[in-house]
N, C-alpha and C. Protein backbone atom coordinates (compact mmCIF):
# COMPACT_ATOMS: atom_id res chain seq x y z
N MET A 1 -23.77 6.76 2.18
CA MET A 1 -23.80 6.36 3.58
C MET A 1 -22.47 6.73 4.22
N ARG A 2 -22.55 7.35 5.37
CA ARG A 2 -21.34 7.75 6.09
C ARG A 2 -20.75 6.56 6.84
N GLU A 3 -19.45 6.66 7.16
CA GLU A 3 -18.75 5.57 7.82
C GLU A 3 -19.41 5.18 9.14
N ALA A 4 -19.73 6.17 9.97
CA ALA A 4 -20.31 5.88 11.29
C ALA A 4 -21.64 5.14 11.14
N GLU A 5 -22.45 5.55 10.18
CA GLU A 5 -23.74 4.90 9.95
C GLU A 5 -23.54 3.46 9.48
N ALA A 6 -22.58 3.26 8.56
CA ALA A 6 -22.30 1.92 8.04
C ALA A 6 -21.85 1.00 9.16
N ILE A 7 -20.98 1.50 10.03
CA ILE A 7 -20.48 0.68 11.15
C ILE A 7 -21.60 0.37 12.13
N ALA A 8 -22.44 1.34 12.41
CA ALA A 8 -23.57 1.12 13.32
C ALA A 8 -24.49 0.03 12.76
N ARG A 9 -24.73 0.06 11.47
CA ARG A 9 -25.57 -0.98 10.85
C ARG A 9 -24.92 -2.35 10.98
N LEU A 10 -23.61 -2.41 10.73
CA LEU A 10 -22.91 -3.69 10.86
C LEU A 10 -22.98 -4.21 12.30
N LYS A 11 -22.81 -3.32 13.25
CA LYS A 11 -22.84 -3.73 14.66
C LYS A 11 -24.22 -4.24 15.06
N ARG A 12 -25.26 -3.79 14.34
CA ARG A 12 -26.62 -4.29 14.59
C ARG A 12 -26.87 -5.60 13.84
N GLY A 13 -25.88 -6.07 13.07
CA GLY A 13 -26.02 -7.30 12.32
C GLY A 13 -26.56 -7.11 10.92
N ASP A 14 -26.67 -5.87 10.46
CA ASP A 14 -27.18 -5.55 9.13
C ASP A 14 -26.02 -5.51 8.14
N ILE A 15 -25.91 -6.53 7.31
CA ILE A 15 -24.80 -6.61 6.35
C ILE A 15 -24.86 -5.48 5.32
N GLY A 16 -25.99 -4.82 5.20
CA GLY A 16 -26.12 -3.69 4.28
C GLY A 16 -25.14 -2.58 4.60
N GLY A 17 -24.70 -2.49 5.84
CA GLY A 17 -23.71 -1.49 6.22
C GLY A 17 -22.38 -1.69 5.52
N LEU A 18 -22.12 -2.92 5.11
CA LEU A 18 -20.86 -3.21 4.44
C LEU A 18 -20.73 -2.46 3.12
N GLU A 19 -21.84 -2.25 2.46
CA GLU A 19 -21.82 -1.55 1.17
C GLU A 19 -21.21 -0.15 1.30
N GLY A 20 -21.56 0.57 2.37
CA GLY A 20 -21.00 1.90 2.58
C GLY A 20 -19.51 1.86 2.79
N LEU A 21 -19.03 0.87 3.53
CA LEU A 21 -17.59 0.76 3.78
C LEU A 21 -16.85 0.35 2.50
N VAL A 22 -17.47 -0.48 1.70
CA VAL A 22 -16.85 -0.87 0.42
C VAL A 22 -16.69 0.37 -0.45
N ARG A 23 -17.72 1.21 -0.51
CA ARG A 23 -17.62 2.43 -1.32
C ARG A 23 -16.52 3.35 -0.81
N LEU A 24 -16.35 3.42 0.49
CA LEU A 24 -15.35 4.32 1.06
C LEU A 24 -13.93 3.81 0.92
N TYR A 25 -13.72 2.50 1.04
CA TYR A 25 -12.36 1.98 1.18
C TYR A 25 -11.90 1.01 0.10
N GLN A 26 -12.76 0.56 -0.79
CA GLN A 26 -12.37 -0.48 -1.73
C GLN A 26 -11.22 -0.05 -2.64
N VAL A 27 -11.32 1.11 -3.25
CA VAL A 27 -10.29 1.53 -4.20
C VAL A 27 -8.93 1.65 -3.51
N GLN A 28 -8.89 2.34 -2.37
CA GLN A 28 -7.64 2.51 -1.65
C GLN A 28 -7.08 1.15 -1.20
N ALA A 29 -7.96 0.26 -0.73
CA ALA A 29 -7.52 -1.04 -0.24
C ALA A 29 -6.97 -1.90 -1.38
N VAL A 30 -7.65 -1.92 -2.53
CA VAL A 30 -7.17 -2.72 -3.66
C VAL A 30 -5.83 -2.18 -4.15
N ARG A 31 -5.71 -0.88 -4.24
CA ARG A 31 -4.44 -0.30 -4.69
C ARG A 31 -3.30 -0.66 -3.73
N ALA A 32 -3.55 -0.54 -2.44
CA ALA A 32 -2.51 -0.88 -1.45
C ALA A 32 -2.15 -2.35 -1.53
N ALA A 33 -3.16 -3.22 -1.61
CA ALA A 33 -2.90 -4.66 -1.70
C ALA A 33 -2.16 -5.00 -2.98
N TYR A 34 -2.54 -4.34 -4.07
CA TYR A 34 -1.88 -4.60 -5.36
C TYR A 34 -0.40 -4.21 -5.32
N LEU A 35 -0.11 -3.08 -4.70
CA LEU A 35 1.29 -2.65 -4.63
C LEU A 35 2.13 -3.63 -3.82
N VAL A 36 1.52 -4.35 -2.90
CA VAL A 36 2.25 -5.35 -2.13
C VAL A 36 2.29 -6.68 -2.88
N THR A 37 1.14 -7.13 -3.40
CA THR A 37 1.08 -8.45 -4.05
C THR A 37 1.58 -8.43 -5.48
N ARG A 38 1.42 -7.26 -6.14
CA ARG A 38 1.78 -7.09 -7.55
C ARG A 38 0.97 -8.00 -8.45
N ASP A 39 -0.22 -8.36 -8.01
CA ASP A 39 -1.13 -9.19 -8.78
C ASP A 39 -2.55 -8.71 -8.49
N LEU A 40 -3.24 -8.23 -9.53
CA LEU A 40 -4.55 -7.62 -9.32
C LEU A 40 -5.58 -8.61 -8.79
N ALA A 41 -5.60 -9.82 -9.32
CA ALA A 41 -6.56 -10.82 -8.84
C ALA A 41 -6.33 -11.13 -7.36
N SER A 42 -5.07 -11.29 -6.98
CA SER A 42 -4.76 -11.54 -5.57
C SER A 42 -5.17 -10.37 -4.70
N ALA A 43 -4.90 -9.15 -5.17
CA ALA A 43 -5.25 -7.95 -4.41
C ALA A 43 -6.75 -7.87 -4.20
N GLU A 44 -7.51 -8.14 -5.26
CA GLU A 44 -8.98 -8.11 -5.13
C GLU A 44 -9.47 -9.17 -4.17
N ASP A 45 -8.87 -10.37 -4.22
CA ASP A 45 -9.25 -11.44 -3.29
C ASP A 45 -8.95 -11.05 -1.84
N VAL A 46 -7.77 -10.46 -1.64
CA VAL A 46 -7.37 -10.02 -0.29
C VAL A 46 -8.39 -9.03 0.26
N VAL A 47 -8.76 -8.06 -0.56
CA VAL A 47 -9.68 -7.01 -0.10
C VAL A 47 -11.07 -7.57 0.14
N GLN A 48 -11.54 -8.44 -0.73
CA GLN A 48 -12.86 -9.04 -0.52
C GLN A 48 -12.89 -9.82 0.79
N SER A 49 -11.85 -10.61 1.03
CA SER A 49 -11.77 -11.36 2.28
C SER A 49 -11.70 -10.44 3.49
N ALA A 50 -10.96 -9.34 3.35
CA ALA A 50 -10.84 -8.39 4.46
C ALA A 50 -12.19 -7.75 4.78
N PHE A 51 -12.98 -7.42 3.77
CA PHE A 51 -14.31 -6.85 4.02
C PHE A 51 -15.21 -7.86 4.73
N LEU A 52 -15.18 -9.11 4.28
CA LEU A 52 -16.00 -10.14 4.94
C LEU A 52 -15.57 -10.36 6.38
N ARG A 53 -14.25 -10.36 6.59
CA ARG A 53 -13.74 -10.53 7.95
C ARG A 53 -14.12 -9.33 8.83
N ALA A 54 -14.11 -8.13 8.24
CA ALA A 54 -14.52 -6.94 8.99
C ALA A 54 -15.97 -7.08 9.43
N TYR A 55 -16.80 -7.59 8.56
CA TYR A 55 -18.21 -7.83 8.92
C TYR A 55 -18.31 -8.84 10.06
N GLU A 56 -17.56 -9.93 9.94
CA GLU A 56 -17.61 -10.98 10.97
C GLU A 56 -17.05 -10.51 12.31
N ARG A 57 -16.06 -9.62 12.26
CA ARG A 57 -15.38 -9.21 13.50
C ARG A 57 -15.69 -7.78 13.92
N ILE A 58 -16.76 -7.21 13.40
CA ILE A 58 -17.08 -5.82 13.70
C ILE A 58 -17.27 -5.60 15.20
N GLY A 59 -17.63 -6.63 15.91
CA GLY A 59 -17.77 -6.53 17.37
C GLY A 59 -16.46 -6.22 18.06
N GLN A 60 -15.34 -6.57 17.45
CA GLN A 60 -14.02 -6.31 18.02
C GLN A 60 -13.53 -4.89 17.70
N TYR A 61 -14.21 -4.23 16.77
CA TYR A 61 -13.79 -2.90 16.35
C TYR A 61 -14.21 -1.86 17.40
N ASP A 62 -13.25 -1.02 17.80
CA ASP A 62 -13.48 0.05 18.76
C ASP A 62 -13.95 1.29 18.00
N THR A 63 -15.22 1.65 18.15
CA THR A 63 -15.78 2.78 17.41
C THR A 63 -15.15 4.12 17.79
N GLY A 64 -14.37 4.14 18.83
CA GLY A 64 -13.67 5.37 19.22
C GLY A 64 -12.43 5.63 18.37
N ARG A 65 -12.08 4.67 17.53
CA ARG A 65 -10.90 4.82 16.67
C ARG A 65 -11.35 4.81 15.21
N PRO A 66 -10.55 5.38 14.31
CA PRO A 66 -10.93 5.40 12.89
C PRO A 66 -10.97 3.98 12.31
N PHE A 67 -11.92 3.75 11.43
CA PHE A 67 -12.08 2.44 10.81
C PHE A 67 -10.96 2.15 9.81
N GLY A 68 -10.56 3.16 9.04
CA GLY A 68 -9.57 2.97 7.98
C GLY A 68 -8.31 2.26 8.42
N PRO A 69 -7.63 2.75 9.46
CA PRO A 69 -6.40 2.06 9.89
C PRO A 69 -6.65 0.62 10.33
N TRP A 70 -7.75 0.38 11.03
CA TRP A 70 -8.09 -0.97 11.49
C TRP A 70 -8.28 -1.89 10.29
N PHE A 71 -8.99 -1.42 9.29
CA PHE A 71 -9.26 -2.23 8.10
C PHE A 71 -8.02 -2.40 7.23
N LEU A 72 -7.30 -1.32 6.96
CA LEU A 72 -6.14 -1.40 6.07
C LEU A 72 -5.00 -2.21 6.68
N ARG A 73 -4.90 -2.26 8.00
CA ARG A 73 -3.89 -3.13 8.63
C ARG A 73 -4.16 -4.57 8.23
N SER A 74 -5.42 -4.96 8.26
CA SER A 74 -5.79 -6.32 7.87
C SER A 74 -5.47 -6.57 6.40
N VAL A 75 -5.78 -5.60 5.55
CA VAL A 75 -5.50 -5.73 4.11
C VAL A 75 -4.00 -5.90 3.87
N ILE A 76 -3.19 -5.04 4.46
CA ILE A 76 -1.74 -5.11 4.25
C ILE A 76 -1.17 -6.42 4.79
N ASN A 77 -1.59 -6.84 5.98
CA ASN A 77 -1.09 -8.10 6.54
C ASN A 77 -1.45 -9.28 5.66
N ASP A 78 -2.68 -9.31 5.15
CA ASP A 78 -3.09 -10.40 4.26
C ASP A 78 -2.34 -10.35 2.94
N ALA A 79 -2.10 -9.15 2.43
CA ALA A 79 -1.34 -9.01 1.18
C ALA A 79 0.08 -9.55 1.34
N ILE A 80 0.67 -9.29 2.49
CA ILE A 80 2.02 -9.82 2.77
C ILE A 80 1.98 -11.34 2.78
N LYS A 81 0.97 -11.91 3.44
CA LYS A 81 0.85 -13.38 3.51
C LYS A 81 0.69 -13.98 2.11
N VAL A 82 -0.17 -13.38 1.30
CA VAL A 82 -0.37 -13.86 -0.06
C VAL A 82 0.93 -13.78 -0.86
N SER A 83 1.65 -12.67 -0.69
CA SER A 83 2.90 -12.48 -1.43
C SER A 83 3.97 -13.47 -1.03
N THR A 84 4.04 -13.79 0.25
CA THR A 84 5.08 -14.72 0.69
C THR A 84 4.76 -16.14 0.27
N ARG A 85 3.46 -16.43 0.06
CA ARG A 85 3.11 -17.75 -0.50
C ARG A 85 3.47 -17.80 -1.96
N GLY A 86 3.53 -16.61 -2.58
CA GLY A 86 4.10 -16.49 -3.90
C GLY A 86 3.21 -16.80 -5.08
N ARG A 87 2.55 -15.80 -5.55
CA ARG A 87 1.92 -15.89 -6.87
C ARG A 87 2.67 -14.85 -7.69
N HIS A 88 3.57 -15.30 -8.54
CA HIS A 88 4.44 -14.39 -9.27
C HIS A 88 3.89 -14.12 -10.66
N VAL A 89 3.98 -12.87 -11.06
CA VAL A 89 3.56 -12.46 -12.39
C VAL A 89 4.70 -11.65 -12.99
N SER A 90 4.82 -11.71 -14.31
CA SER A 90 5.89 -10.94 -14.93
C SER A 90 5.52 -9.47 -14.95
N LEU A 91 6.53 -8.62 -14.97
CA LEU A 91 6.29 -7.19 -15.01
C LEU A 91 5.58 -6.78 -16.29
N ASP A 92 5.76 -7.55 -17.38
CA ASP A 92 5.08 -7.24 -18.63
C ASP A 92 3.57 -7.33 -18.47
N GLU A 93 3.09 -8.28 -17.65
CA GLU A 93 1.66 -8.42 -17.42
C GLU A 93 1.11 -7.24 -16.62
N LEU A 94 1.96 -6.60 -15.83
CA LEU A 94 1.52 -5.52 -14.96
C LEU A 94 1.59 -4.16 -15.64
N ALA A 95 2.29 -4.06 -16.75
CA ALA A 95 2.52 -2.76 -17.38
C ALA A 95 1.27 -1.93 -17.58
N PRO A 96 0.14 -2.49 -18.04
CA PRO A 96 -1.04 -1.64 -18.24
C PRO A 96 -1.58 -1.06 -16.94
N LEU A 97 -1.26 -1.66 -15.81
CA LEU A 97 -1.82 -1.22 -14.54
C LEU A 97 -0.96 -0.19 -13.84
N GLU A 98 0.30 -0.08 -14.21
CA GLU A 98 1.23 0.78 -13.48
C GLU A 98 0.73 2.21 -13.36
N GLY A 99 0.38 2.80 -14.48
CA GLY A 99 0.00 4.21 -14.48
C GLY A 99 -1.19 4.50 -13.61
N SER A 100 -2.16 3.59 -13.56
CA SER A 100 -3.36 3.87 -12.78
C SER A 100 -3.15 3.63 -11.30
N LEU A 101 -2.19 2.81 -10.93
CA LEU A 101 -2.04 2.46 -9.52
C LEU A 101 -0.89 3.17 -8.82
N LEU A 102 0.09 3.61 -9.57
CA LEU A 102 1.18 4.34 -8.95
C LEU A 102 0.88 5.83 -9.04
N LYS A 103 1.18 6.57 -7.99
CA LYS A 103 1.04 8.01 -8.06
C LYS A 103 2.03 8.53 -9.08
N SER A 104 1.58 9.37 -9.95
CA SER A 104 2.47 9.90 -10.98
C SER A 104 2.73 11.37 -10.71
N TYR A 105 3.96 11.73 -10.77
CA TYR A 105 4.30 13.13 -10.59
C TYR A 105 4.41 13.83 -11.93
N SER A 106 4.23 13.08 -13.02
CA SER A 106 4.44 13.65 -14.35
C SER A 106 3.47 14.76 -14.68
N GLU A 107 2.29 14.79 -14.03
CA GLU A 107 1.32 15.85 -14.30
C GLU A 107 1.89 17.22 -13.95
N GLN A 108 2.84 17.26 -13.04
CA GLN A 108 3.40 18.53 -12.58
C GLN A 108 4.56 19.00 -13.47
N LEU A 109 4.95 18.19 -14.44
CA LEU A 109 6.12 18.50 -15.24
C LEU A 109 5.70 18.96 -16.63
N ASP A 110 6.59 19.65 -17.31
CA ASP A 110 6.29 20.05 -18.69
C ASP A 110 6.47 18.85 -19.62
N LEU A 111 6.03 18.98 -20.86
CA LEU A 111 6.04 17.86 -21.79
C LEU A 111 7.43 17.28 -22.03
N SER A 112 8.45 18.11 -21.99
CA SER A 112 9.80 17.61 -22.26
C SER A 112 10.29 16.68 -21.15
N SER A 113 9.64 16.73 -20.00
CA SER A 113 10.05 15.89 -18.87
C SER A 113 9.28 14.58 -18.79
N LEU A 114 8.26 14.39 -19.63
CA LEU A 114 7.42 13.20 -19.53
C LEU A 114 8.20 11.91 -19.76
N ALA A 115 9.14 11.91 -20.69
CA ALA A 115 9.91 10.71 -20.96
C ALA A 115 10.75 10.32 -19.74
N VAL A 116 11.35 11.32 -19.10
CA VAL A 116 12.13 11.06 -17.89
C VAL A 116 11.23 10.54 -16.79
N ALA A 117 10.03 11.12 -16.65
CA ALA A 117 9.08 10.68 -15.63
C ALA A 117 8.70 9.22 -15.86
N SER A 118 8.44 8.86 -17.09
CA SER A 118 8.05 7.49 -17.41
C SER A 118 9.19 6.51 -17.10
N GLU A 119 10.40 6.91 -17.47
CA GLU A 119 11.56 6.06 -17.20
C GLU A 119 11.79 5.89 -15.70
N THR A 120 11.57 6.97 -14.94
CA THR A 120 11.71 6.92 -13.49
C THR A 120 10.68 5.98 -12.88
N ASN A 121 9.41 6.13 -13.28
CA ASN A 121 8.37 5.24 -12.76
C ASN A 121 8.67 3.79 -13.08
N ASP A 122 9.12 3.52 -14.30
CA ASP A 122 9.45 2.15 -14.69
C ASP A 122 10.57 1.58 -13.82
N ALA A 123 11.59 2.39 -13.56
CA ALA A 123 12.73 1.92 -12.75
C ALA A 123 12.30 1.64 -11.32
N ILE A 124 11.47 2.51 -10.75
CA ILE A 124 11.00 2.30 -9.38
C ILE A 124 10.10 1.09 -9.33
N TRP A 125 9.23 0.97 -10.30
CA TRP A 125 8.30 -0.16 -10.35
C TRP A 125 9.07 -1.48 -10.40
N GLU A 126 10.09 -1.54 -11.23
CA GLU A 126 10.89 -2.76 -11.34
C GLU A 126 11.63 -3.06 -10.03
N ALA A 127 12.19 -2.03 -9.41
CA ALA A 127 12.91 -2.22 -8.14
C ALA A 127 11.96 -2.69 -7.04
N LEU A 128 10.77 -2.10 -6.98
CA LEU A 128 9.79 -2.53 -5.97
C LEU A 128 9.45 -4.00 -6.11
N GLY A 129 9.37 -4.46 -7.35
CA GLY A 129 9.03 -5.86 -7.60
C GLY A 129 10.07 -6.82 -7.08
N LYS A 130 11.28 -6.35 -6.87
CA LYS A 130 12.36 -7.22 -6.39
C LYS A 130 12.46 -7.24 -4.87
N LEU A 131 11.73 -6.35 -4.21
CA LEU A 131 11.76 -6.31 -2.75
C LEU A 131 10.90 -7.42 -2.16
N PRO A 132 11.25 -7.92 -0.96
CA PRO A 132 10.36 -8.87 -0.27
C PRO A 132 9.04 -8.17 0.08
N PRO A 133 7.94 -8.92 0.16
CA PRO A 133 6.63 -8.33 0.41
C PRO A 133 6.57 -7.42 1.65
N GLN A 134 7.22 -7.79 2.74
CA GLN A 134 7.15 -6.95 3.94
C GLN A 134 7.81 -5.60 3.72
N GLN A 135 8.89 -5.58 2.96
CA GLN A 135 9.54 -4.31 2.66
C GLN A 135 8.68 -3.48 1.72
N ARG A 136 8.07 -4.13 0.73
CA ARG A 136 7.14 -3.40 -0.14
C ARG A 136 6.00 -2.81 0.69
N ALA A 137 5.51 -3.57 1.66
CA ALA A 137 4.37 -3.12 2.46
C ALA A 137 4.69 -1.84 3.22
N VAL A 138 5.86 -1.76 3.87
CA VAL A 138 6.16 -0.53 4.62
C VAL A 138 6.34 0.65 3.69
N LEU A 139 6.90 0.41 2.50
CA LEU A 139 7.06 1.50 1.55
C LEU A 139 5.70 1.95 1.01
N VAL A 140 4.79 1.02 0.81
CA VAL A 140 3.43 1.36 0.37
C VAL A 140 2.73 2.20 1.44
N LEU A 141 2.82 1.77 2.69
CA LEU A 141 2.18 2.52 3.77
C LEU A 141 2.76 3.92 3.89
N ARG A 142 4.07 4.04 3.78
CA ARG A 142 4.72 5.34 3.97
C ARG A 142 4.56 6.26 2.77
N TYR A 143 4.83 5.74 1.58
CA TYR A 143 4.94 6.61 0.41
C TYR A 143 3.72 6.59 -0.50
N TYR A 144 2.91 5.54 -0.44
CA TYR A 144 1.70 5.52 -1.24
C TYR A 144 0.51 6.01 -0.43
N LEU A 145 0.38 5.51 0.80
CA LEU A 145 -0.73 5.93 1.65
C LEU A 145 -0.37 7.17 2.47
N ASP A 146 0.88 7.64 2.37
CA ASP A 146 1.35 8.86 3.05
C ASP A 146 1.16 8.83 4.56
N LEU A 147 1.44 7.69 5.17
CA LEU A 147 1.30 7.57 6.61
C LEU A 147 2.59 7.96 7.32
N GLY A 148 2.43 8.56 8.48
CA GLY A 148 3.57 8.82 9.34
C GLY A 148 3.93 7.57 10.11
N GLU A 149 5.04 7.62 10.81
CA GLU A 149 5.50 6.43 11.54
C GLU A 149 4.53 6.01 12.63
N ALA A 150 3.90 6.96 13.31
CA ALA A 150 2.93 6.61 14.36
C ALA A 150 1.72 5.89 13.76
N GLU A 151 1.24 6.39 12.61
CA GLU A 151 0.10 5.73 11.96
C GLU A 151 0.49 4.34 11.47
N MET A 152 1.71 4.23 10.94
CA MET A 152 2.17 2.92 10.48
C MET A 152 2.28 1.95 11.64
N SER A 153 2.75 2.45 12.76
CA SER A 153 2.87 1.63 13.95
C SER A 153 1.49 1.09 14.36
N ALA A 154 0.49 1.97 14.31
CA ALA A 154 -0.87 1.56 14.67
C ALA A 154 -1.42 0.55 13.66
N ARG A 155 -1.21 0.78 12.38
CA ARG A 155 -1.77 -0.11 11.36
C ARG A 155 -1.11 -1.48 11.35
N LEU A 156 0.19 -1.50 11.61
CA LEU A 156 0.91 -2.77 11.60
C LEU A 156 0.92 -3.44 12.98
N ASP A 157 0.47 -2.69 13.99
CA ASP A 157 0.43 -3.18 15.36
C ASP A 157 1.82 -3.61 15.85
N VAL A 158 2.79 -2.73 15.56
CA VAL A 158 4.17 -2.95 16.01
C VAL A 158 4.68 -1.65 16.62
N PRO A 159 5.71 -1.70 17.47
CA PRO A 159 6.25 -0.47 18.05
C PRO A 159 6.84 0.46 16.99
N ALA A 160 6.88 1.75 17.31
CA ALA A 160 7.41 2.76 16.38
C ALA A 160 8.85 2.44 15.99
N GLY A 161 9.64 1.92 16.92
CA GLY A 161 11.02 1.57 16.61
C GLY A 161 11.11 0.48 15.54
N THR A 162 10.18 -0.45 15.57
CA THR A 162 10.15 -1.51 14.56
C THR A 162 9.82 -0.93 13.19
N VAL A 163 8.89 0.04 13.17
CA VAL A 163 8.54 0.70 11.91
C VAL A 163 9.76 1.40 11.34
N LYS A 164 10.48 2.15 12.19
CA LYS A 164 11.68 2.86 11.74
C LYS A 164 12.71 1.88 11.18
N SER A 165 12.89 0.78 11.88
CA SER A 165 13.86 -0.23 11.44
C SER A 165 13.47 -0.83 10.10
N ARG A 166 12.18 -1.16 9.96
CA ARG A 166 11.72 -1.75 8.70
C ARG A 166 11.83 -0.76 7.54
N LEU A 167 11.48 0.49 7.80
CA LEU A 167 11.60 1.51 6.76
C LEU A 167 13.05 1.71 6.34
N HIS A 168 13.93 1.77 7.32
CA HIS A 168 15.35 1.94 7.03
C HIS A 168 15.86 0.78 6.16
N ALA A 169 15.52 -0.45 6.55
CA ALA A 169 15.97 -1.62 5.79
C ALA A 169 15.38 -1.62 4.38
N ALA A 170 14.10 -1.24 4.26
CA ALA A 170 13.45 -1.23 2.95
C ALA A 170 14.07 -0.18 2.04
N ARG A 171 14.32 1.02 2.59
CA ARG A 171 14.95 2.08 1.79
C ARG A 171 16.35 1.66 1.34
N LYS A 172 17.09 1.09 2.28
CA LYS A 172 18.46 0.68 1.98
C LYS A 172 18.46 -0.38 0.87
N HIS A 173 17.56 -1.35 0.99
CA HIS A 173 17.48 -2.41 -0.01
C HIS A 173 17.03 -1.83 -1.35
N LEU A 174 16.04 -0.94 -1.33
CA LEU A 174 15.56 -0.33 -2.57
C LEU A 174 16.67 0.44 -3.27
N ARG A 175 17.48 1.16 -2.49
CA ARG A 175 18.60 1.92 -3.09
C ARG A 175 19.55 1.01 -3.86
N THR A 176 19.76 -0.21 -3.35
CA THR A 176 20.67 -1.13 -4.05
C THR A 176 20.06 -1.65 -5.34
N LEU A 177 18.73 -1.60 -5.46
CA LEU A 177 18.05 -2.12 -6.64
C LEU A 177 17.78 -1.06 -7.71
N LEU A 178 17.84 0.21 -7.31
CA LEU A 178 17.56 1.29 -8.26
C LEU A 178 18.78 1.55 -9.14
N PRO A 179 18.56 2.00 -10.37
CA PRO A 179 19.70 2.36 -11.21
C PRO A 179 20.47 3.52 -10.57
N SER A 180 21.74 3.61 -10.84
CA SER A 180 22.59 4.61 -10.18
C SER A 180 22.13 6.04 -10.44
N TRP A 181 21.51 6.31 -11.59
CA TRP A 181 21.06 7.67 -11.89
C TRP A 181 19.85 8.08 -11.06
N LEU A 182 19.19 7.12 -10.41
CA LEU A 182 17.99 7.41 -9.63
C LEU A 182 18.21 7.29 -8.13
N ALA A 183 19.09 6.39 -7.73
CA ALA A 183 19.31 6.16 -6.30
C ALA A 183 20.05 7.34 -5.67
N PRO A 184 19.65 7.74 -4.44
CA PRO A 184 20.40 8.78 -3.75
C PRO A 184 21.78 8.25 -3.37
N SER A 185 22.69 9.17 -3.13
CA SER A 185 24.04 8.75 -2.74
C SER A 185 23.99 8.01 -1.43
N SER A 186 24.99 7.18 -1.16
CA SER A 186 24.97 6.30 0.01
C SER A 186 24.87 7.07 1.32
N GLY A 187 25.35 8.28 1.39
CA GLY A 187 25.28 9.05 2.63
C GLY A 187 23.97 9.77 2.82
N GLU A 188 23.11 9.71 1.81
CA GLU A 188 21.86 10.48 1.85
C GLU A 188 20.73 9.59 2.34
N GLU A 189 20.22 9.85 3.51
CA GLU A 189 19.08 9.11 4.05
C GLU A 189 17.90 10.06 4.00
N ASN A 190 17.38 10.26 2.82
CA ASN A 190 16.31 11.22 2.60
C ASN A 190 14.97 10.52 2.61
N ASP A 191 14.02 11.08 3.33
CA ASP A 191 12.71 10.46 3.45
C ASP A 191 11.85 10.64 2.22
N THR A 192 12.27 11.47 1.28
CA THR A 192 11.41 11.73 0.13
C THR A 192 11.99 11.26 -1.19
N LYS A 193 13.25 10.92 -1.26
CA LYS A 193 13.84 10.46 -2.52
C LYS A 193 14.28 9.02 -2.38
N PRO A 194 14.09 8.18 -3.35
CA PRO A 194 13.35 8.37 -4.58
C PRO A 194 11.88 7.99 -4.44
N MET A 195 11.44 7.60 -3.25
CA MET A 195 10.09 7.12 -3.09
C MET A 195 9.04 8.20 -3.30
N SER A 196 9.44 9.46 -3.35
CA SER A 196 8.47 10.53 -3.59
C SER A 196 7.83 10.36 -4.96
N TYR A 197 8.44 9.57 -5.83
CA TYR A 197 7.87 9.37 -7.16
C TYR A 197 6.73 8.37 -7.14
N LEU A 198 6.56 7.62 -6.06
CA LEU A 198 5.52 6.58 -6.02
C LEU A 198 4.15 7.19 -5.96
């Protein structure tokens, strides 16, 4: 089922349209929520609630705009709320999930580089866990979902200047948490390092 058809069904009151949207957006939404909450059960709960709320509020959705940003903004905002209420899990519990949820660049490297790639992912993963949820959220939107600042502004429903400010603060904070061998030098404000590894 295509997105437009699923939305049309929902707008007619047919909950069956929700199934098509779940197929299109569930994996991306759970991954995004998980990267913010760092807890799979919480991420799944956030996404399930967001889908139900989308069904309930489909009348407020403007069909002239893409559904994904409208839906994912809700997912990210709820993930931030869940994270600030605080359900903490140790990084050891998350280890089996890291590889499947973080983008890995190791596929592009030769075998001798795999150990370095793994160490890099581990260091970034640990540093992300120390960031406040709102800072994790902007980094997830920018570097995991590959959104530009205008798209982030639309998804978070904040001005572009606020997005820039939040990204700058998140990058700066992340740099202080990364090991010295991975963090860019203090004068380097690069949009792709080290978050390009996410």
